[in-house]
Protein backbone atom coordinates (compact mmCIF):
# COMPACT_ATOMS: atom_id res chain seq x y z
CA MET A 1 -28.65 -1.09 5.17
CA ILE A 2 -27.85 -3.93 7.99
CA ARG A 3 -24.38 -4.68 6.01
CA ARG A 4 -23.55 -1.30 6.16
CA ASP A 5 -24.14 -0.90 9.40
CA LYS A 6 -22.62 -4.29 10.34
CA GLU A 7 -19.38 -2.89 8.01
CA LYS A 8 -18.81 0.18 10.35
CA ASN A 9 -19.44 -1.61 13.72
CA TYR A 10 -17.00 -4.41 12.65
CA GLN A 11 -14.05 -1.07 11.71
CA LYS A 12 -15.33 0.72 14.99
CA ALA A 13 -14.52 -2.59 17.20
CA ILE A 14 -10.92 -2.93 15.38
CA GLN A 15 -10.32 0.87 15.71
CA LYS A 16 -11.08 0.48 19.39
CA GLU A 17 -8.88 -2.38 20.30
CA TRP A 18 -5.96 -0.55 18.24
CA LYS A 19 -6.59 2.42 20.20
CA ALA A 20 -6.12 0.56 23.35
CA LEU A 21 -3.25 -1.03 22.16
CA GLN A 22 -1.69 1.24 21.47
CA LYS A 23 -1.80 3.20 24.71
CA ARG A 24 -0.76 -0.15 26.30
CA GLU A 25 2.52 0.00 24.00
CA SER A 26 3.36 3.84 25.30
CA ARG A 27 3.21 2.21 28.95
CA ILE A 28 5.32 -0.14 28.13
CA GLU A 29 7.98 2.62 26.28
CA VAL A 30 8.05 4.38 29.62
CA VAL A 31 9.03 1.37 31.53
CA PHE A 32 12.01 0.34 28.82
CA GLU A 33 13.02 4.17 29.56
CA LYS A 34 12.91 3.87 32.97
CA GLU A 35 15.26 0.20 32.96
CA GLN A 36 18.05 2.46 30.57
CA ASN A 37 17.85 5.18 32.98
CA GLY A 38 18.63 2.86 36.11
CA THR A 39 21.39 0.63 34.76
CA GLY A 40 24.43 2.14 37.24
CA TRP A 41 24.06 -0.31 39.36
CA ARG A 42 24.00 -2.92 36.92
CA GLN A 43 26.89 -1.85 34.99
CA MET A 44 29.23 -1.82 38.16
CA LEU A 45 28.09 -5.26 38.98
CA GLU A 46 28.55 -6.67 35.45
CA ALA A 47 31.73 -5.06 35.19
CA LYS A 48 33.12 -7.50 37.99
CA VAL A 49 31.90 -10.63 36.24
CA PRO A 50 34.91 -12.41 34.03
CA ASP A 51 34.65 -11.77 30.58
CA LYS A 52 35.05 -15.35 29.85
CA ILE A 53 31.34 -15.61 31.75
CA ARG A 54 29.82 -13.41 29.65
CA THR A 55 31.10 -15.14 26.20
CA ASN A 56 30.41 -18.18 27.71
CA LEU A 57 26.84 -17.20 28.16
CA GLU A 58 26.35 -15.25 24.72
CA LYS A 59 27.78 -18.98 23.29
CA ALA A 60 25.36 -20.68 25.36
CA PHE A 61 22.48 -19.06 23.93
CA CYS A 62 23.40 -19.08 20.77
CA VAL A 63 23.53 -22.68 20.74
CA ALA A 64 20.20 -22.71 22.53
CA PHE A 65 18.04 -20.86 19.96
CA THR A 66 19.87 -22.81 17.32
CA THR A 67 19.38 -26.23 18.82
CA VAL A 68 15.80 -25.13 19.74
CA PHE A 69 15.21 -24.31 15.88
CA GLU A 70 16.81 -27.08 14.41
CA LYS A 71 15.55 -29.69 16.69
CA GLY A 72 13.53 -28.40 19.21
CA THR A 73 10.27 -27.62 17.60
CA GLY A 74 8.87 -30.75 17.04
CA ILE A 75 9.17 -31.42 20.71
CA ILE A 76 7.99 -28.11 22.09
CA GLU A 77 4.67 -29.19 19.44
CA LYS A 78 4.25 -32.48 21.26
CA SER A 79 3.05 -30.48 24.40
CA TYR A 80 0.08 -28.69 22.10
CA ASP A 81 -2.51 -29.45 19.11
CA ARG A 82 -0.86 -26.36 16.47
CA GLN A 83 -3.52 -27.30 14.10
CA LYS A 84 -6.43 -27.81 16.38
CA ILE A 85 -5.06 -23.72 17.68
CA LEU A 86 -5.33 -22.43 14.09
CA ASP A 87 -8.86 -24.15 13.38
CA ASN A 88 -9.89 -21.91 16.36
CA VAL A 89 -8.56 -18.84 15.06
CA GLN A 90 -11.04 -19.15 11.83
CA ILE A 91 -13.90 -19.84 14.24
CA GLN A 92 -13.16 -16.82 16.03
CA ASN A 93 -12.27 -14.98 13.14
CA TYR A 94 -15.95 -16.02 12.05
CA ALA A 95 -17.56 -15.44 15.04
CA PHE A 96 -15.90 -11.73 14.82
CA GLN A 97 -17.51 -11.40 11.57
CA VAL A 98 -20.85 -12.25 12.98
CA LYS A 99 -20.90 -10.73 15.85
CA ALA A 100 -18.96 -7.46 14.62
CA ASP A 101 -18.17 -6.57 18.30
CA ARG A 102 -15.02 -5.93 20.67
CA LYS A 103 -16.02 -8.33 22.90
CA SER A 104 -14.92 -10.84 20.52
CA LEU A 105 -11.77 -9.28 20.07
CA LYS A 106 -11.13 -8.89 23.53
CA GLN A 107 -11.68 -12.52 24.08
CA VAL A 108 -9.11 -13.37 21.84
CA ARG A 109 -6.69 -11.54 23.48
CA ASN A 110 -7.69 -12.24 27.54
CA GLY A 111 -7.75 -16.06 25.85
CA VAL A 112 -3.94 -15.32 24.80
CA ALA A 113 -2.91 -14.16 27.88
CA HIS A 114 -4.31 -16.59 29.93
CA LYS A 115 -2.51 -19.31 27.86
CA ASN A 116 0.82 -18.13 29.22
CA LEU A 117 0.33 -18.98 32.83
CA GLY A 118 1.34 -22.18 33.05
CA ASN A 119 4.19 -21.90 31.38
CA ILE A 120 5.13 -18.78 33.96
CA ALA A 121 5.29 -21.17 36.56
CA ALA A 122 7.03 -23.82 34.71
CA THR A 123 10.02 -21.18 34.28
CA ALA A 124 9.92 -20.56 37.91
CA VAL A 125 10.38 -24.35 39.03
CA GLU A 126 12.90 -24.95 36.55
CA GLY A 127 14.88 -22.18 37.44
CA VAL A 128 14.84 -21.99 40.97
CA GLY A 129 15.39 -26.16 40.75
CA LEU A 130 18.45 -25.88 38.96
CA GLY A 131 19.58 -22.58 41.06
CA VAL A 132 19.60 -24.49 44.07
CA LEU A 133 21.86 -27.17 42.32
CA GLY A 134 24.23 -24.45 41.16
CA ILE A 135 23.39 -25.31 37.72
CA GLY A 136 23.36 -22.10 35.32
CA LEU A 137 24.31 -22.16 31.78
CA PRO A 138 22.56 -25.39 31.02
CA ASP A 139 19.09 -24.28 31.99
CA ILE A 140 19.41 -21.64 29.24
CA VAL A 141 18.71 -24.65 27.07
CA ILE A 142 15.47 -25.51 28.73
CA PHE A 143 14.45 -21.76 29.28
CA THR A 144 15.04 -20.75 25.53
CA GLY A 145 12.75 -23.98 24.82
CA VAL A 146 9.87 -22.55 27.29
CA LEU A 147 10.51 -19.14 25.69
CA LEU A 148 10.15 -20.07 22.26
CA ARG A 149 6.91 -22.61 23.04
CA GLY A 150 5.00 -19.50 24.56
CA VAL A 151 5.82 -17.31 21.75
CA TYR A 152 4.74 -20.23 19.00
CA GLU A 153 1.89 -20.29 21.39
CA VAL A 154 1.06 -16.81 20.66
CA SER A 155 1.81 -16.53 17.08
CA LEU A 156 -0.68 -19.50 16.35
CA HIS A 157 -3.43 -17.47 18.77
CA TYR A 158 -3.58 -14.99 16.25
CA GLY A 159 -3.43 -16.96 13.46
CA PHE A 160 0.04 -16.66 12.29
CA ASP A 161 2.36 -19.78 11.74
CA TYR A 162 6.15 -20.10 12.44
CA ASP A 163 7.34 -22.78 10.20
CA THR A 164 9.11 -20.16 7.58
CA GLU A 165 12.33 -18.25 7.67
CA GLU A 166 9.99 -15.00 7.75
CA GLU A 167 8.68 -16.04 11.14
CA ARG A 168 11.85 -17.16 12.39
CA TYR A 169 13.43 -13.55 11.92
CA PHE A 170 10.13 -11.90 13.46
CA ILE A 171 10.66 -14.08 16.57
CA LEU A 172 14.00 -13.64 17.11
CA LYS A 173 13.73 -9.83 16.38
CA LEU A 174 10.86 -9.61 18.56
CA MET A 175 12.50 -11.62 21.40
CA GLU A 176 15.96 -9.46 20.77
CA THR A 177 13.72 -5.92 21.10
CA ALA A 178 12.03 -7.15 24.16
CA MET A 179 15.02 -7.73 26.07
CA ARG A 180 16.98 -3.77 24.83
CA SER A 181 16.14 -0.95 26.52
CA GLY A 182 16.32 3.15 25.76
CA GLU A 183 17.58 3.86 22.35
CA ALA A 184 18.27 0.51 21.29
CA TRP A 185 14.66 -0.48 21.92
CA LYS A 186 12.84 2.15 19.99
CA ALA A 187 14.88 1.43 17.21
CA GLY A 188 13.56 -2.59 17.21
CA ASN A 189 10.40 -1.61 18.18
CA GLY A 190 10.29 0.57 14.91
CA GLU A 191 11.42 -2.34 12.75
CA ILE A 192 9.44 -4.57 14.42
CA ASP A 193 6.50 -2.76 13.14
CA ARG A 194 7.68 -2.01 9.98
CA LEU A 195 8.06 -5.88 9.55
CA ILE A 196 4.68 -6.21 10.29
CA ILE A 197 3.35 -3.82 7.41
CA GLU A 198 5.57 -5.67 5.19
CA MET A 199 4.57 -8.93 6.28
CA ALA A 200 0.81 -8.43 5.48
CA GLU A 201 1.74 -6.81 2.08
CA GLU A 202 3.38 -10.12 1.13
CA GLU A 203 0.48 -11.94 2.68
CA ALA A 204 -2.15 -9.70 0.22
CA CYS A 205 0.40 -10.31 -2.71
CA PRO A 206 2.96 -12.96 -2.76
CA GLY A 207 6.25 -12.45 -3.74
CA PRO A 208 9.70 -13.12 -2.99
CA ALA A 209 10.63 -11.81 0.39
CA ALA A 210 12.80 -9.03 1.21
CA TYR A 211 14.26 -9.93 4.01
CA ALA A 212 15.09 -13.67 6.10
CA THR A 213 17.21 -15.73 4.29
CA LYS A 214 18.71 -18.45 6.41
CA GLU A 215 21.84 -15.88 6.70
CA ASP A 216 19.42 -13.57 8.04
CA VAL A 217 18.35 -16.13 10.71
CA ALA A 218 21.54 -17.05 11.52
CA GLU A 219 22.72 -13.62 12.12
CA GLN A 220 19.69 -12.74 13.97
CA ILE A 221 20.20 -15.58 16.71
CA ARG A 222 23.54 -14.04 17.25
CA ASN A 223 21.82 -10.88 17.67
CA THR A 224 19.03 -12.17 20.16
CA SER A 225 21.70 -14.49 21.70
CA ASP A 226 23.77 -11.14 22.67
CA ALA A 227 20.53 -9.21 23.86
CA PHE A 228 19.39 -12.46 26.46
CA ALA A 229 23.39 -12.46 27.66
CA ALA A 230 23.78 -8.66 28.31
CA ASP A 231 20.74 -8.45 30.09
CA MET A 232 20.86 -11.77 32.12
CA LEU A 233 24.47 -11.65 32.28
CA ILE A 234 24.28 -11.05 36.77
CA LEU A 235 21.48 -13.46 36.87
CA LYS A 236 22.75 -16.54 35.07
CA PHE A 237 26.10 -15.83 36.73
CA VAL A 238 24.52 -15.88 40.06
CA GLN A 239 22.10 -18.93 39.22
CA GLY A 240 25.73 -20.76 38.47
CA ILE A 241 26.75 -20.69 42.67
CA PRO A 242 24.28 -23.82 44.88
CA ILE A 243 22.50 -22.20 46.86
CA VAL A 244 22.32 -18.81 46.24
CA GLY A 245 21.69 -19.56 42.63
CA ILE A 246 17.91 -19.84 43.73
CA LEU A 247 17.97 -15.97 43.13
CA GLY A 248 19.43 -16.06 39.89
CA GLY A 249 16.54 -18.64 38.87
CA CYS A 250 13.99 -16.43 40.41
CA GLY A 251 14.73 -14.42 37.35
CA ASN A 252 13.07 -16.88 34.67
CA PRO A 253 9.42 -16.35 35.30
CA VAL A 254 10.22 -12.34 35.03
CA TYR A 255 12.21 -12.49 31.50
CA TYR A 256 9.47 -14.99 30.36
CA ASN A 257 6.84 -12.71 30.99
CA LYS A 258 8.25 -9.25 29.71
CA VAL A 259 8.95 -11.15 26.72
CA MET A 260 5.36 -12.51 26.41
CA LYS A 261 4.10 -9.38 27.01
CA TYR A 262 5.80 -7.83 24.39
CA ALA A 263 5.09 -10.78 22.14
CA GLN A 264 1.33 -10.54 22.41
CA MET A 265 1.26 -7.00 22.17
CA LYS A 266 2.76 -7.46 18.31
CA TYR A 267 0.96 -10.30 17.36
CA GLN A 268 -1.94 -8.94 18.15
CA ARG A 269 -1.50 -6.02 16.12
CA ARG A 270 -0.75 -7.96 13.32
CA TYR A 271 -3.89 -9.37 13.79
CA LEU A 272 -5.63 -6.05 13.85
CA TYR A 273 -3.88 -5.12 10.95
CA ARG A 274 -5.04 -8.74 9.14
CA LEU A 275 -8.68 -7.74 10.12
CA GLY A 276 -8.88 -4.17 9.29
CA ALA A 277 -6.63 -4.32 5.99
CA ALA A 278 -9.27 -2.84 4.09
CA ASN A 279 -9.00 0.07 5.97
CA CYS A 280 -5.56 0.11 7.65
CA PRO A 281 -3.20 1.48 8.42
CA TYR A 282 -5.18 2.83 12.00
CA GLY A 283 -2.39 5.06 13.12
CA MET A 284 0.76 2.85 12.21
């Protein structure tokens, strides 16, 4: 009887946290729709940016993502203990199994959000500092590294390692979607949710993955780079102008926070889906 009650509380806690997550996702959807409806002024400004600047920005983001994935991950990992984080996740999961309460799940969520506060400050200092000097494009590699560090930490704190082609593809698709709006965001968000189910099924019954070859990852790097270049075009163009570039640099923490909020929601979705695998989906 006690065991049955604990299982009931276990599932009830997951369902409550799942419903809370869905409410946050609904609010985010409204925000993205508003962004889509208010792009008239941006289109006017973007039309004045030379095509060469746009092309160079897309190339810069593409090079940045490729470089960080190929050479920067080891450097990023020196800033935290990957295995220790994964071990702590096991402890958190065990604590939830014992307590079977929603408070344990909320502590995991709040802990993940707290970890990224320092990174937001780092993007602000880095962006403004380079903006004063009128440095725009070189800032992209640094900014991309900080972004990926944040996403890596989110994934680890929810118990997902990122050292596979499938996870790299998921991360890139997630980051692209976070930079989209309107119908493009809806389509990307739906694909992310489908990937979460596919990856959970793959985890439960390992087999050949139906996606995420090296070629897929390379293509997704281009798509993600295009999304970042399109959304940050004006800011990075302005950041290339000395002194005035401070305004462009100030945009870095805004975009960082935007990507991290979306990443936290989607990794929490994966985490809850994994915890309640026996009784999922909870309205997916």
